Amino acid sequence: MADNVNLEILSTRLGFNSAVRHIKKTMEIASNANSNLGDIIFEMDDEELTSGRTGLLLRMLLVDKLGYKTASANLSSEVKDLSVLSKEFAKWNGVDLVAAYHHPEMGLLVANPKVAEELTGFGQLRKRELMVVYAGLQGGETDENCQKAAELAIKLFEGSKVTAPSALTRGKFTVKKVSKPKKASEAKPAKVKAPVKAKTGVKKAAAAPAAKTVAPVVQVKSSGPARMTPRYAVVVKNELFHNGNVEAWKRIVASYKAKHPSLEVYIYYESERILDINSLFKWGKVKHGSAIEFAVAGNEIQDVAKLQRYLAQGASHMFEAFLRGPVNSVLKLF
């Protein structure tokens, strides 16, 4: 009966084709056993590698095929600056490392923790979320040093200071340069300015463009490997983050998602995710000087700096610029 349950997916054409694609993808990745799995997934940037399929790859390729050692923990603290950790992991040339973080919004994320660009894609590590580290030798026989590396890596992710033994710092597993392949549609990629931190004051906010009604946009989410920006703080400059500010933020976010339907905007207040922006409007809750955080997740993230500037204006006394036009219209801000 167990065999029948495991093979049930093959009883339909859709399920069979899905299984075949997964097998082909697994064989393609397995043929490149001398590379870090996190690097491979990052460079492939394949939208079919969903969280579920990525989890299967980790188990089958790293544990069953290559015998990697593992260590895991529900993180006991938050980690905001992952670039510092990547610098430490980059010194561990004696072992190959793969980190798998179960992100509460984006699902399972995989990275080579030695590469800052990959690791910072995790965004901010949350307390009590699951982190698993795989350590091995890319086909070589694993030993106690691999298990030690996985356990020390978990301690680093939890904020502890560790000293890697010399056996973990001497070897051939150095950091290599990784890059995502350009897609056919990217003939002339747009230049995007790096996001900047919110300033403590707004000198002069640009007037928002007049509202324009645009055709409805179908929200198409990318199911493949994605990344999340760090959280950026927007300081409330109005005397209170009242209903007008809330409506301004709702229209700004709607405009951003209309322009970038595959991206998601996450909003946080006091380290908790805000599922409904309206919940920020509680008399006396979000006052002048409070910081509301946001992050953007998805593939090909764009216009984050512009989004931050508009949200800063929307949190100030100049929020009315975003309330012009018909109620159901979408502002063309991006």
Protein backbone atom coordinates (compact mmCIF):
# COMPACT_ATOMS: atom_id res chain seq x y z
CA MET A 1 0.00 0.00 0.00
CA ALA A 2 2.91 2.34 0.75
CA ASP A 3 4.22 1.79 -2.78
CA ASN A 4 0.81 2.64 -4.24
CA VAL A 5 0.67 5.87 -2.24
CA ASN A 6 4.18 6.87 -3.34
CA LEU A 7 3.37 6.20 -7.00
CA GLU A 8 -0.06 7.82 -7.00
CA ILE A 9 1.33 11.01 -8.51
CA LEU A 10 2.19 9.03 -11.65
CA SER A 11 -1.46 8.10 -12.26
CA THR A 12 -2.19 11.40 -14.03
CA ARG A 13 -0.50 12.96 -17.01
CA LEU A 14 0.11 16.18 -15.07
CA GLY A 15 1.68 14.34 -12.16
CA PHE A 16 3.75 12.09 -14.41
CA ASN A 17 5.13 15.02 -16.39
CA SER A 18 5.89 16.89 -13.18
CA ALA A 19 7.81 13.88 -11.86
CA VAL A 20 9.76 13.54 -15.11
CA ARG A 21 10.77 17.21 -15.01
CA HIS A 22 11.90 16.85 -11.42
CA ILE A 23 13.94 13.74 -12.24
CA LYS A 24 15.60 15.46 -15.20
CA LYS A 25 16.41 18.50 -13.09
CA THR A 26 17.82 16.30 -10.33
CA MET A 27 20.02 14.40 -12.79
CA GLU A 28 21.23 17.67 -14.30
CA ILE A 29 22.26 18.98 -10.90
CA ALA A 30 23.70 15.64 -9.77
CA SER A 31 26.00 15.57 -12.80
CA ASN A 32 27.74 18.63 -11.37
CA ALA A 33 28.71 17.04 -8.06
CA ASN A 34 31.94 19.04 -7.79
CA SER A 35 30.08 22.30 -7.19
CA ASN A 36 28.24 23.69 -4.20
CA LEU A 37 24.51 22.93 -4.41
CA GLY A 38 23.66 26.44 -3.22
CA ASP A 39 25.77 27.92 -6.03
CA ILE A 40 24.10 25.65 -8.59
CA ILE A 41 20.58 26.62 -7.54
CA PHE A 42 21.52 30.31 -7.43
CA GLU A 43 23.04 30.27 -10.91
CA MET A 44 20.20 28.23 -12.44
CA ASP A 45 17.54 30.65 -11.12
CA ASP A 46 14.94 28.07 -12.15
CA GLU A 47 11.34 29.00 -11.35
CA GLU A 48 10.37 25.31 -11.23
CA LEU A 49 12.60 24.74 -8.19
CA THR A 50 9.90 25.34 -5.61
CA SER A 51 10.43 24.89 -1.88
CA GLY A 52 9.12 21.32 -2.00
CA ARG A 53 11.38 20.27 -4.85
CA THR A 54 14.39 21.99 -3.34
CA GLY A 55 13.84 20.08 -0.10
CA LEU A 56 13.81 16.80 -2.05
CA LEU A 57 17.09 17.75 -3.76
CA LEU A 58 18.78 18.45 -0.43
CA ARG A 59 17.79 15.09 1.00
CA MET A 60 18.52 12.98 -2.07
CA LEU A 61 21.72 14.64 -3.34
CA LEU A 62 23.43 15.85 -0.18
CA VAL A 63 22.36 13.29 2.42
CA ASP A 64 21.65 10.09 0.50
CA LYS A 65 24.10 10.46 -2.41
CA LEU A 66 27.02 12.44 -0.94
CA GLY A 67 26.64 11.60 2.75
CA TYR A 68 26.79 15.17 4.03
CA LYS A 69 26.55 15.65 7.78
CA THR A 70 23.79 17.90 9.13
CA ALA A 71 22.92 20.07 12.10
CA SER A 72 19.71 22.00 12.68
CA ALA A 73 18.08 24.35 15.13
CA ASN A 74 15.08 26.57 15.59
CA LEU A 75 17.03 29.82 15.87
CA SER A 76 17.16 31.29 19.35
CA SER A 77 17.80 34.85 18.18
CA GLU A 78 17.36 37.17 15.21
CA VAL A 79 20.21 37.86 12.80
CA LYS A 80 20.07 41.02 10.69
CA ASP A 81 23.53 41.34 9.15
CA LEU A 82 24.25 38.12 7.28
CA SER A 83 27.19 39.60 5.36
CA VAL A 84 29.29 39.36 8.54
CA LEU A 85 28.57 35.63 8.76
CA SER A 86 29.44 35.04 5.11
CA LYS A 87 32.89 36.56 5.70
CA GLU A 88 33.50 34.06 8.49
CA PHE A 89 32.19 31.09 6.50
CA ALA A 90 34.38 32.10 3.55
CA LYS A 91 37.41 31.16 5.67
CA TRP A 92 36.23 27.56 5.99
CA ASN A 93 38.09 26.17 2.98
CA GLY A 94 38.27 22.67 4.43
CA VAL A 95 34.57 21.86 4.01
CA ASP A 96 31.68 22.46 1.62
CA LEU A 97 28.66 24.09 3.26
CA VAL A 98 25.01 24.46 2.26
CA ALA A 99 22.52 26.38 4.40
CA ALA A 100 18.75 25.83 4.21
CA TYR A 101 16.50 28.35 5.95
CA HIS A 102 12.76 27.83 6.29
CA HIS A 103 11.57 31.39 5.72
CA PRO A 104 8.10 32.10 7.16
CA GLU A 105 6.98 33.97 4.03
CA MET A 106 9.06 32.59 1.15
CA GLY A 107 9.39 28.95 2.14
CA LEU A 108 12.64 26.98 1.94
CA LEU A 109 15.64 29.08 0.86
CA VAL A 110 19.02 27.53 0.03
CA ALA A 111 22.42 29.24 -0.16
CA ASN A 112 26.13 28.71 -0.04
CA PRO A 113 26.78 30.56 3.24
CA LYS A 114 30.29 31.49 2.06
CA VAL A 115 28.84 33.75 -0.65
CA ALA A 116 27.43 37.04 0.67
CA GLU A 117 25.11 37.58 -2.30
CA GLU A 118 23.44 34.23 -1.70
CA LEU A 119 23.29 34.36 2.10
CA THR A 120 21.90 37.90 2.28
CA GLY A 121 19.07 36.67 0.06
CA PHE A 122 17.65 35.10 3.22
CA GLY A 123 16.80 38.62 4.38
CA GLN A 124 16.63 38.72 8.16
CA LEU A 125 16.77 35.46 10.10
CA ARG A 126 13.82 35.21 12.46
CA LYS A 127 13.75 33.79 15.93
CA ARG A 128 12.31 30.24 16.23
CA GLU A 129 12.54 29.55 12.47
CA LEU A 130 14.30 26.39 11.29
CA MET A 131 17.87 26.51 9.97
CA VAL A 132 19.62 23.38 8.65
CA VAL A 133 23.31 23.26 7.68
CA TYR A 134 24.80 20.54 5.47
CA ALA A 135 28.57 19.94 5.54
CA GLY A 136 30.52 17.59 3.29
CA LEU A 137 33.34 17.13 0.83
CA GLN A 138 31.55 17.07 -2.55
CA GLY A 139 31.87 13.32 -3.08
CA GLY A 140 34.74 12.69 -0.72
CA GLU A 141 34.19 10.57 2.36
CA THR A 142 32.86 12.73 5.18
CA ASP A 143 34.39 12.64 8.65
CA GLU A 144 33.95 14.09 12.12
CA ASN A 145 35.20 17.46 10.87
CA CYS A 146 32.13 17.74 8.65
CA GLN A 147 29.81 17.13 11.59
CA LYS A 148 31.78 19.63 13.65
CA ALA A 149 31.50 22.21 10.85
CA ALA A 150 27.72 21.81 10.65
CA GLU A 151 27.34 22.22 14.41
CA LEU A 152 29.63 25.26 14.56
CA ALA A 153 27.79 26.84 11.64
CA ILE A 154 24.50 26.55 13.52
CA LYS A 155 26.08 28.27 16.53
CA LEU A 156 27.21 31.11 14.27
CA PHE A 157 23.71 31.49 12.85
CA GLU A 158 22.41 31.71 16.43
CA GLY A 159 24.74 34.59 17.23
CA SER A 160 27.46 32.74 19.14
CA LYS A 161 31.15 33.43 18.62
CA VAL A 162 33.06 30.34 17.52
CA THR A 163 36.63 29.57 16.51
CA ALA A 164 36.94 27.22 13.58
CA PRO A 165 39.67 24.58 13.99
CA SER A 166 42.51 24.58 11.47
CA ALA A 167 41.09 21.46 9.80
CA LEU A 168 38.13 23.56 8.63
CA THR A 169 40.18 26.46 7.28
CA ARG A 170 42.64 24.53 5.10
CA GLY A 171 41.40 22.94 1.91
CA LYS A 172 40.15 23.36 -1.64
CA PHE A 173 36.58 24.52 -1.00
CA THR A 174 37.17 28.19 -1.65
CA VAL A 175 34.59 30.76 -2.67
CA LYS A 176 33.97 31.06 -6.40
CA LYS A 177 32.31 33.89 -8.24
CA VAL A 178 28.65 33.17 -8.98
CA SER A 179 26.20 34.95 -11.25
CA LYS A 180 22.68 34.40 -12.47
CA PRO A 181 22.24 33.87 -16.21
CA LYS A 182 20.61 36.68 -18.15
CA LYS A 183 17.19 35.90 -19.50
CA ALA A 184 16.21 36.52 -23.10
CA SER A 185 13.91 39.36 -22.08
CA GLU A 186 16.79 41.19 -20.41
CA ALA A 187 18.25 42.77 -23.54
CA LYS A 188 18.71 46.10 -21.79
CA PRO A 189 18.43 45.64 -18.04
CA ALA A 190 17.44 48.73 -16.14
CA LYS A 191 19.87 50.20 -13.68
CA VAL A 192 18.54 50.08 -10.14
CA LYS A 193 19.92 52.21 -7.37
CA ALA A 194 20.77 50.43 -4.15
CA PRO A 195 18.19 50.89 -1.39
CA VAL A 196 19.12 53.50 1.18
CA LYS A 197 18.24 53.76 4.81
CA ALA A 198 15.40 56.04 5.75
CA LYS A 199 16.56 59.49 6.80
CA THR A 200 15.49 60.92 10.12
CA GLY A 201 13.81 63.81 8.39
CA VAL A 202 12.19 64.58 5.08
CA LYS A 203 13.53 67.79 3.58
CA LYS A 204 11.22 68.03 0.65
CA ALA A 205 9.13 65.19 -0.67
CA ALA A 206 8.40 65.10 -4.36
CA ALA A 207 4.78 65.52 -5.27
CA ALA A 208 3.18 62.24 -6.27
CA PRO A 209 2.05 61.97 -9.89
CA ALA A 210 -1.62 62.39 -10.52
CA ALA A 211 -3.67 59.23 -10.27
CA LYS A 212 -4.19 57.31 -13.47
CA THR A 213 -6.51 54.44 -13.99
CA VAL A 214 -4.68 51.46 -15.36
CA ALA A 215 -5.86 48.10 -16.58
CA PRO A 216 -6.08 45.38 -13.90
CA VAL A 217 -2.87 43.44 -13.52
CA VAL A 218 -2.93 39.71 -12.94
CA GLN A 219 -0.79 38.96 -9.90
CA VAL A 220 1.64 36.30 -11.06
CA LYS A 221 3.95 35.10 -8.31
CA SER A 222 7.24 33.51 -9.17
CA SER A 223 7.44 30.10 -7.52
CA GLY A 224 11.14 29.65 -8.10
CA PRO A 225 14.19 30.59 -6.04
CA ALA A 226 13.69 34.10 -4.75
CA ARG A 227 15.40 36.46 -2.38
CA MET A 228 14.29 39.05 0.11
CA THR A 229 15.85 42.44 0.73
CA PRO A 230 16.86 43.41 4.25
CA ARG A 231 14.20 45.26 6.18
CA TYR A 232 14.28 49.02 5.66
CA ALA A 233 12.94 51.38 8.30
CA VAL A 234 10.50 54.18 7.50
CA VAL A 235 10.26 56.69 10.34
CA VAL A 236 6.79 58.16 10.98
CA LYS A 237 7.03 61.94 10.56
CA ASN A 238 3.37 62.72 11.06
CA GLU A 239 2.18 63.37 14.60
CA LEU A 240 0.41 60.01 14.35
CA PHE A 241 0.22 57.29 11.72
CA HIS A 242 -3.49 57.84 11.18
CA ASN A 243 -6.03 56.68 8.63
CA GLY A 244 -4.76 59.07 5.95
CA ASN A 245 -1.26 57.64 6.22
CA VAL A 246 -2.66 54.12 6.08
CA GLU A 247 -4.59 54.87 2.87
CA ALA A 248 -1.50 56.48 1.34
CA TRP A 249 0.58 53.39 2.10
CA LYS A 250 -2.08 51.10 0.66
CA ARG A 251 -2.11 53.05 -2.61
CA ILE A 252 1.69 53.21 -2.79
CA VAL A 253 2.01 49.45 -2.30
CA ALA A 254 -0.79 48.82 -4.82
CA SER A 255 1.04 50.98 -7.37
CA TYR A 256 4.30 49.10 -6.75
CA LYS A 257 2.66 45.70 -7.18
CA ALA A 258 0.87 46.86 -10.31
CA LYS A 259 4.26 47.70 -11.81
CA HIS A 260 5.99 44.60 -10.41
CA PRO A 261 3.32 41.89 -10.08
CA SER A 262 5.83 39.12 -9.34
CA LEU A 263 7.22 40.92 -6.27
CA GLU A 264 5.79 40.94 -2.77
CA VAL A 265 5.98 43.77 -0.24
CA TYR A 266 6.13 42.72 3.41
CA ILE A 267 5.49 45.22 6.20
CA TYR A 268 6.63 44.82 9.82
CA TYR A 269 6.06 46.73 13.02
CA GLU A 270 7.89 45.91 16.25
CA SER A 271 9.39 42.83 14.52
CA GLU A 272 5.96 41.38 13.71
CA ARG A 273 4.63 41.05 10.19
CA ILE A 274 1.61 43.24 9.43
CA LEU A 275 -0.86 41.30 7.28
CA ASP A 276 -3.34 44.18 7.03
CA ILE A 277 -2.02 47.74 6.82
CA ASN A 278 -5.28 48.92 8.37
CA SER A 279 -4.20 47.31 11.64
CA LEU A 280 -1.50 50.00 11.96
CA PHE A 281 -4.28 52.54 12.45
CA LYS A 282 -4.96 52.23 16.14
CA TRP A 283 -5.21 55.43 18.12
CA GLY A 284 -1.92 55.99 19.90
CA LYS A 285 -0.25 52.84 18.55
CA VAL A 286 2.13 54.17 15.88
CA LYS A 287 3.28 57.63 16.89
CA HIS A 288 5.72 60.23 15.61
CA GLY A 289 9.24 58.82 15.57
CA SER A 290 8.14 55.19 15.40
CA ALA A 291 9.72 53.01 12.73
CA ILE A 292 7.71 50.81 10.38
CA GLU A 293 9.82 48.35 8.42
CA PHE A 294 9.30 46.87 4.97
CA ALA A 295 11.04 44.35 2.73
CA VAL A 296 10.58 43.26 -0.87
CA ALA A 297 10.82 39.64 -1.98
CA GLY A 298 10.96 37.90 -5.34
CA ASN A 299 13.15 37.70 -8.42
CA GLU A 300 14.65 40.72 -10.20
CA ILE A 301 13.85 43.15 -7.38
CA GLN A 302 13.57 46.75 -8.57
CA ASP A 303 12.56 50.26 -7.46
CA VAL A 304 13.12 49.59 -3.75
CA ALA A 305 14.74 52.98 -3.14
CA LYS A 306 11.85 54.75 -4.86
CA LEU A 307 9.35 52.68 -2.86
CA GLN A 308 11.10 53.72 0.35
CA ARG A 309 10.96 57.41 -0.58
CA TYR A 310 7.22 57.22 -1.33
CA LEU A 311 6.51 55.32 1.90
CA ALA A 312 8.48 57.94 3.84
CA GLN A 313 6.32 60.68 2.32
CA GLY A 314 3.21 58.61 3.00
CA ALA A 315 4.19 58.41 6.66
CA SER A 316 4.56 62.19 6.91
CA HIS A 317 2.12 65.11 6.91
CA MET A 318 2.44 65.19 3.10
CA PHE A 319 0.49 61.93 2.66
CA GLU A 320 -2.41 63.68 0.86
CA ALA A 321 -0.47 63.69 -2.43
CA PHE A 322 -1.22 59.96 -2.70
CA LEU A 323 -4.96 60.28 -2.08
CA ARG A 324 -5.82 62.09 -5.31
CA GLY A 325 -7.95 60.57 -7.99
CA PRO A 326 -10.82 58.07 -7.90
CA VAL A 327 -10.87 55.67 -4.96
CA ASN A 328 -10.48 52.53 -7.08
CA SER A 329 -7.74 53.93 -9.32
CA VAL A 330 -4.10 52.87 -9.19
CA LEU A 331 -1.42 55.53 -8.95
CA LYS A 332 1.25 55.32 -11.61
CA LEU A 333 4.26 55.96 -9.40
CA PHE A 334 6.82 53.47 -10.71
